[in-house]
Protein backbone atom coordinates (compact mmCIF):
# COMPACT_ATOMS: atom_id res chain seq x y z
CA MET A 1 115.20 73.79 109.96
CA LYS A 2 116.82 75.54 112.94
CA VAL A 3 116.47 79.38 112.94
CA ALA A 4 118.29 81.40 115.58
CA VAL A 5 117.05 85.03 116.27
CA LEU A 6 119.64 87.14 118.13
CA GLY A 7 117.92 90.02 119.74
CA ALA A 8 114.57 88.26 120.01
CA GLY A 9 113.48 90.44 122.79
CA GLY A 10 113.59 93.74 120.98
CA GLY A 11 111.09 95.75 119.07
CA ILE A 12 111.76 93.75 115.90
CA GLY A 13 112.88 90.45 117.48
CA GLN A 14 109.55 89.82 119.25
CA PRO A 15 107.07 90.21 116.21
CA LEU A 16 109.64 88.54 113.94
CA SER A 17 109.90 85.63 116.38
CA LEU A 18 106.01 85.50 116.33
CA LEU A 19 105.83 85.46 112.54
CA LEU A 20 108.52 82.75 112.45
CA LYS A 21 106.66 80.66 114.98
CA MET A 22 103.57 80.89 112.71
CA ASN A 23 105.38 80.44 109.29
CA LEU A 24 108.31 78.16 109.60
CA PRO A 25 107.99 74.66 108.26
CA PRO A 26 106.38 72.11 110.72
CA GLY A 27 109.13 70.38 112.71
CA SER A 28 111.38 73.39 112.81
CA PHE A 29 113.18 74.81 115.73
CA LEU A 30 113.15 78.45 116.68
CA SER A 31 116.00 79.49 119.07
CA LEU A 32 115.73 82.83 120.75
CA TYR A 33 118.60 84.83 122.24
CA ASP A 34 118.87 88.27 123.94
CA VAL A 35 120.84 89.99 126.68
CA VAL A 36 117.65 91.16 128.45
CA ASP A 37 115.46 88.99 130.60
CA VAL A 38 112.28 89.69 128.58
CA VAL A 39 113.36 86.87 126.26
CA ASN A 40 112.35 84.39 128.83
CA GLY A 41 108.90 85.66 128.82
CA VAL A 42 108.89 85.90 125.07
CA ALA A 43 109.82 82.27 124.69
CA VAL A 44 107.08 81.25 127.11
CA ASP A 45 104.41 83.34 125.44
CA LEU A 46 105.42 82.05 121.90
CA SER A 47 105.26 78.54 123.20
CA HIS A 48 101.57 78.73 123.51
CA VAL A 49 101.01 79.39 119.80
CA CYS A 50 99.67 76.28 118.29
CA THR A 51 102.16 75.42 115.58
CA HIS A 52 104.55 72.54 115.14
CA VAL A 53 107.57 74.81 115.78
CA THR A 54 109.57 74.14 118.85
CA ILE A 55 110.78 77.06 120.88
CA ASP A 56 113.98 77.40 123.15
CA HIS A 57 115.66 80.46 124.54
CA TYR A 58 118.93 81.63 125.89
CA LEU A 59 119.97 84.74 127.89
CA LYS A 60 123.31 86.56 127.60
CA SER A 61 126.62 85.57 126.06
CA ASP A 62 127.23 82.64 128.36
CA ASN A 63 124.39 80.80 126.59
CA LEU A 64 124.87 81.98 123.04
CA ALA A 65 126.77 78.75 121.95
CA PRO A 66 123.82 76.36 122.41
CA CYS A 67 121.46 78.78 120.76
CA LEU A 68 123.64 78.86 117.61
CA LYS A 69 124.71 75.27 117.59
CA GLY A 70 123.10 73.63 114.46
CA ALA A 71 121.50 76.69 113.18
CA ASP A 72 120.58 76.68 109.58
CA ILE A 73 119.67 80.38 109.44
CA VAL A 74 120.85 83.10 111.88
CA VAL A 75 118.88 86.27 111.88
CA ILE A 76 120.29 89.42 113.67
CA PRO A 77 117.89 92.14 114.65
CA ALA A 78 119.71 92.98 117.81
CA GLY A 79 120.88 96.61 118.26
CA VAL A 80 119.72 100.07 119.26
CA PRO A 81 116.65 101.56 117.19
CA ARG A 82 116.67 104.80 115.55
CA LYS A 83 115.27 107.85 117.39
CA PRO A 84 113.77 111.15 115.91
CA GLY A 85 116.27 113.12 114.02
CA GLN A 86 118.95 110.24 114.03
CA THR A 87 120.16 108.60 110.87
CA ARG A 88 121.07 104.92 110.50
CA GLU A 89 124.56 106.00 110.20
CA GLN A 90 124.64 107.58 113.69
CA LEU A 91 123.84 104.20 115.19
CA PHE A 92 127.01 102.87 113.97
CA SER A 93 129.27 103.03 117.05
CA VAL A 94 126.84 101.22 119.44
CA ASN A 95 125.53 98.60 116.87
CA ALA A 96 128.88 97.70 115.36
CA GLY A 97 130.01 96.48 118.84
CA ILE A 98 126.92 94.37 119.23
CA VAL A 99 127.30 92.78 115.70
CA LYS A 100 131.10 92.17 116.28
CA GLU A 101 130.27 90.11 119.44
CA LEU A 102 127.42 88.15 117.86
CA ILE A 103 129.13 87.30 114.54
CA THR A 104 132.27 86.18 116.52
CA ASN A 105 130.14 83.68 118.24
CA VAL A 106 128.41 82.77 114.84
CA ALA A 107 131.86 81.94 113.36
CA LYS A 108 132.54 79.52 116.24
CA GLU A 109 129.18 77.82 116.56
CA ALA A 110 127.40 78.08 113.14
CA PRO A 111 130.01 78.81 110.49
CA ARG A 112 127.84 77.19 107.69
CA ALA A 113 124.67 79.03 108.55
CA PHE A 114 122.90 81.57 106.35
CA ILE A 115 123.36 84.91 108.16
CA ALA A 116 120.85 87.55 107.63
CA ILE A 117 121.58 91.07 109.23
CA ILE A 118 118.79 93.42 110.15
CA THR A 119 120.90 95.57 112.53
CA ASN A 120 121.43 99.15 111.18
CA PRO A 121 123.20 100.61 109.47
CA VAL A 122 123.13 97.56 107.35
CA ASN A 123 125.53 99.08 104.74
CA SER A 124 128.30 98.96 107.41
CA MET A 125 127.16 96.02 109.50
CA VAL A 126 127.47 93.45 106.72
CA PRO A 127 131.17 94.46 105.84
CA ILE A 128 131.86 94.18 109.55
CA ALA A 129 130.37 90.78 109.72
CA ALA A 130 132.37 89.79 106.53
CA GLY A 131 135.58 90.86 108.22
CA ILE A 132 135.04 89.03 111.38
CA LEU A 133 134.09 85.74 109.41
CA LYS A 134 137.18 86.28 107.34
CA LYS A 135 139.47 86.51 110.43
CA ALA A 136 137.94 83.29 111.73
CA GLY A 137 138.56 81.58 108.29
CA VAL A 138 134.90 80.72 107.69
CA TYR A 139 133.71 83.43 105.52
CA ASP A 140 131.43 82.41 102.56
CA PRO A 141 130.06 85.45 100.74
CA LYS A 142 127.36 83.39 99.41
CA CYS A 143 125.86 82.90 102.94
CA LEU A 144 125.92 86.48 104.30
CA PHE A 145 123.09 88.89 103.68
CA GLY A 146 121.84 92.32 104.77
CA ILE A 147 118.17 92.38 104.77
CA SER A 148 116.96 95.24 102.49
CA THR A 149 113.53 93.70 101.96
CA LEU A 150 111.61 96.54 103.67
CA ASP A 151 112.66 98.86 100.83
CA VAL A 152 111.09 96.62 98.43
CA VAL A 153 108.00 96.09 100.68
CA ARG A 154 107.44 99.91 100.92
CA ALA A 155 107.99 100.33 97.20
CA GLN A 156 105.38 97.72 96.52
CA THR A 157 102.89 99.23 98.94
CA PHE A 158 103.35 102.89 97.59
CA ILE A 159 103.13 101.80 93.86
CA GLY A 160 100.11 99.68 94.66
CA LYS A 161 98.29 102.71 96.26
CA LEU A 162 99.23 105.03 93.55
CA LYS A 163 98.33 102.87 90.62
CA ASN A 164 95.39 101.10 92.35
CA VAL A 165 96.82 97.60 91.98
CA ASP A 166 97.58 94.69 94.25
CA PRO A 167 100.83 95.67 95.95
CA ALA A 168 101.68 92.03 96.37
CA LYS A 169 101.80 91.62 92.74
CA VAL A 170 104.04 94.53 92.06
CA ASP A 171 107.56 93.44 90.87
CA VAL A 172 109.95 96.23 91.84
CA LYS A 173 113.64 96.20 92.39
CA VAL A 174 115.41 98.36 95.05
CA VAL A 175 119.04 98.56 94.72
CA GLY A 176 122.20 100.28 96.21
CA GLY A 177 122.11 100.42 100.02
CA HIS A 178 119.70 100.12 102.87
CA SER A 179 119.60 103.81 103.90
CA GLU A 180 117.56 106.87 102.83
CA VAL A 181 120.47 108.25 100.85
CA THR A 182 121.84 105.12 99.30
CA MET A 183 118.65 103.14 98.14
CA LEU A 184 117.41 103.46 94.58
CA PRO A 185 114.08 101.92 93.39
CA LEU A 186 114.17 101.02 89.76
CA LEU A 187 110.74 102.42 88.80
CA SER A 188 111.50 102.32 85.03
CA GLN A 189 111.67 98.49 85.32
CA VAL A 190 108.37 97.62 86.97
CA PRO A 191 106.49 95.33 84.60
CA GLY A 192 103.33 96.62 83.36
CA ILE A 193 103.39 99.94 85.14
CA THR A 194 104.62 103.20 83.81
CA PHE A 195 105.29 106.47 85.80
CA THR A 196 105.76 110.05 84.73
CA HIS A 197 108.93 111.68 85.74
CA GLU A 198 107.08 113.60 88.49
CA GLU A 199 105.53 110.30 89.75
CA ALA A 200 109.02 108.70 89.74
CA GLU A 201 110.59 111.60 91.72
CA LYS A 202 107.72 111.66 94.33
CA LEU A 203 107.74 107.88 94.68
CA THR A 204 111.48 107.71 95.08
CA LYS A 205 111.40 110.30 97.83
CA GLN A 206 108.56 108.63 99.63
CA ILE A 207 110.29 105.22 99.61
CA ARG A 208 113.45 106.75 100.85
CA GLU A 209 111.96 108.78 103.60
CA ALA A 210 109.45 106.06 104.74
CA GLY A 211 111.72 104.89 107.64
CA THR A 212 112.00 108.47 109.00
CA VAL A 213 108.27 108.95 108.80
CA VAL A 214 107.66 105.86 111.00
CA VAL A 215 110.41 107.13 113.51
CA GLU A 216 108.82 110.53 113.73
CA ALA A 217 105.38 109.15 113.94
CA LYS A 218 106.31 106.96 117.02
CA GLN A 219 107.72 110.05 118.69
CA GLY A 220 110.76 108.43 120.27
CA ALA A 221 109.12 105.12 121.09
CA GLY A 222 110.88 103.16 118.36
CA SER A 223 111.43 102.63 114.62
CA ALA A 224 109.88 100.63 112.01
CA THR A 225 109.40 97.42 114.01
CA LEU A 226 106.32 95.76 112.65
CA SER A 227 107.09 96.31 108.93
CA MET A 228 110.62 95.37 109.53
CA ALA A 229 109.49 92.19 111.25
CA TYR A 230 107.35 91.42 108.21
CA ALA A 231 110.11 92.08 105.69
CA GLY A 232 112.51 89.99 107.99
CA LEU A 233 110.07 87.08 107.82
CA ARG A 234 109.70 87.46 104.04
CA PHE A 235 113.42 87.19 103.49
CA VAL A 236 113.86 84.20 105.99
CA LEU A 237 111.20 82.37 104.19
CA ALA A 238 113.04 83.03 100.96
CA LEU A 239 116.13 81.45 102.61
CA VAL A 240 114.05 78.44 103.73
CA LYS A 241 112.88 77.84 100.19
CA ALA A 242 116.34 78.13 98.88
CA PHE A 243 117.70 75.87 101.65
CA HIS A 244 115.28 73.25 100.22
CA GLY A 245 116.33 73.70 96.76
CA GLU A 246 113.51 75.98 95.56
CA PRO A 247 114.67 78.72 93.26
CA VAL A 248 113.82 82.23 94.51
CA THR A 249 115.05 85.71 93.73
CA GLU A 250 115.11 88.61 96.19
CA CYS A 251 116.85 91.93 96.48
CA THR A 252 119.38 91.74 99.24
CA TYR A 253 122.63 93.46 100.38
CA VAL A 254 125.57 91.26 99.53
CA GLN A 255 129.17 91.17 98.64
CA THR A 256 129.62 91.77 94.93
CA ASP A 257 132.33 90.89 92.48
CA GLY A 258 133.08 93.46 89.78
CA ALA A 259 130.30 95.74 90.56
CA ASP A 260 130.19 99.48 91.34
CA ALA A 261 130.84 98.74 95.02
CA PRO A 262 132.13 95.77 97.01
CA PHE A 263 128.65 95.38 98.76
CA MET A 264 125.24 96.40 97.39
CA ALA A 265 121.74 95.44 97.26
CA LEU A 266 120.87 93.81 94.02
CA PRO A 267 118.44 91.20 92.83
CA VAL A 268 119.95 87.85 93.91
CA ASP A 269 119.05 84.28 92.82
CA LEU A 270 119.24 82.09 95.96
CA GLY A 271 119.81 78.42 96.16
CA LYS A 272 120.63 75.69 98.80
CA ASN A 273 124.21 77.01 98.88
CA GLY A 274 123.07 80.71 99.30
CA VAL A 275 123.88 83.18 96.50
CA GLU A 276 123.71 81.54 93.05
CA LYS A 277 123.71 84.52 90.88
CA ILE A 278 123.78 88.40 91.57
CA HIS A 279 122.13 90.19 88.74
CA SER A 280 123.87 93.33 87.38
CA LEU A 281 122.39 96.78 86.96
CA SER A 282 121.28 97.62 83.51
CA ASN A 283 118.81 99.74 81.55
CA LEU A 284 118.75 102.58 84.02
CA ASN A 285 116.87 105.59 82.67
CA PRO A 286 118.50 108.99 82.83
CA TYR A 287 117.00 109.99 86.13
CA GLU A 288 118.18 106.69 87.75
CA GLN A 289 121.59 106.98 86.13
CA GLU A 290 121.97 110.50 87.84
CA GLN A 291 120.66 109.18 91.18
CA TRP A 292 123.13 106.27 90.95
CA LYS A 293 126.08 108.63 90.62
CA GLN A 294 125.02 110.45 93.80
CA ILE A 295 124.40 107.26 95.71
CA LEU A 296 127.85 105.44 95.09
CA PRO A 297 130.10 107.68 97.00
CA LEU A 298 127.80 107.59 100.06
CA LEU A 299 127.59 103.70 99.78
CA HIS A 300 131.40 103.49 99.53
CA LYS A 301 131.81 105.70 102.64
CA ASN A 302 129.35 103.51 104.58
CA ILE A 303 131.33 100.29 103.51
CA GLU A 304 134.68 101.85 104.39
CA GLU A 305 133.41 102.70 107.81
CA GLY A 306 132.65 99.06 108.40
CA VAL A 307 135.98 97.86 107.01
CA LYS A 308 137.95 100.49 109.22
CA PHE A 309 136.04 99.29 112.35
CA ILE A 310 137.33 95.75 111.74
CA THR A 311 140.97 96.67 110.85
CA GLN A 312 141.60 99.38 113.48
């Protein structure tokens, strides 16, 4: 495997790169890229970790091509993090330009790679990436993903704590989008666990606001970097398994056909060619149905902002 991390010197990129160095299959290549000089030190630092994963690194756009060449998976955590009082949507103008430049290069150098986007707002960044890939004539909707895994990880954690069960064994789906106002945990569909209406309302609010809680706790020093790095690792390893033919299902933000929105986070079966099946929404209880009605207009707005950025 070759995995390229674009934005490897940042708050998410550094711990994600460490976790990938520790967990990618032996013999893999980990290629790091950033526009800041710290990526040189990050690469040297990681090269001392005793695993059979080879590290290389590249600085600034002149060296992006060799970083991407031959990549099987491209992970993009690059961008500006949220600050206290700031929504993911308010990051749009800065991060959209960053994603546009990176994806333009991915289209040239690694058009067949699985592309996994962490950069916020994911709801808009994935449509931007899709538009750029379409213009380049290399778009494959089966291979483009927005990583919404952190929403699932948080849901597992909070359910585990509330119900005193192993969070790693909690099977919960979080659908919609990857933002406070567009995500919906399907608590009514968690196998073996039931919630009162009050518990479901409280948990839904806790899951949605978890990112803001981290931003405020860090007092301007960053957003959710460590938990996002963990979630990023989890999704990349799911792609690695899929790449090697092992069936795996993850919630992820992808282009949908015939769904309530053109892009959504849904449970997706992954295989060696990327998306094999997108599971549709079904069996929502009355509370979830009402929440879904409120989410959809906001999700459509985020998607339209991404499409407008590409077409203007």
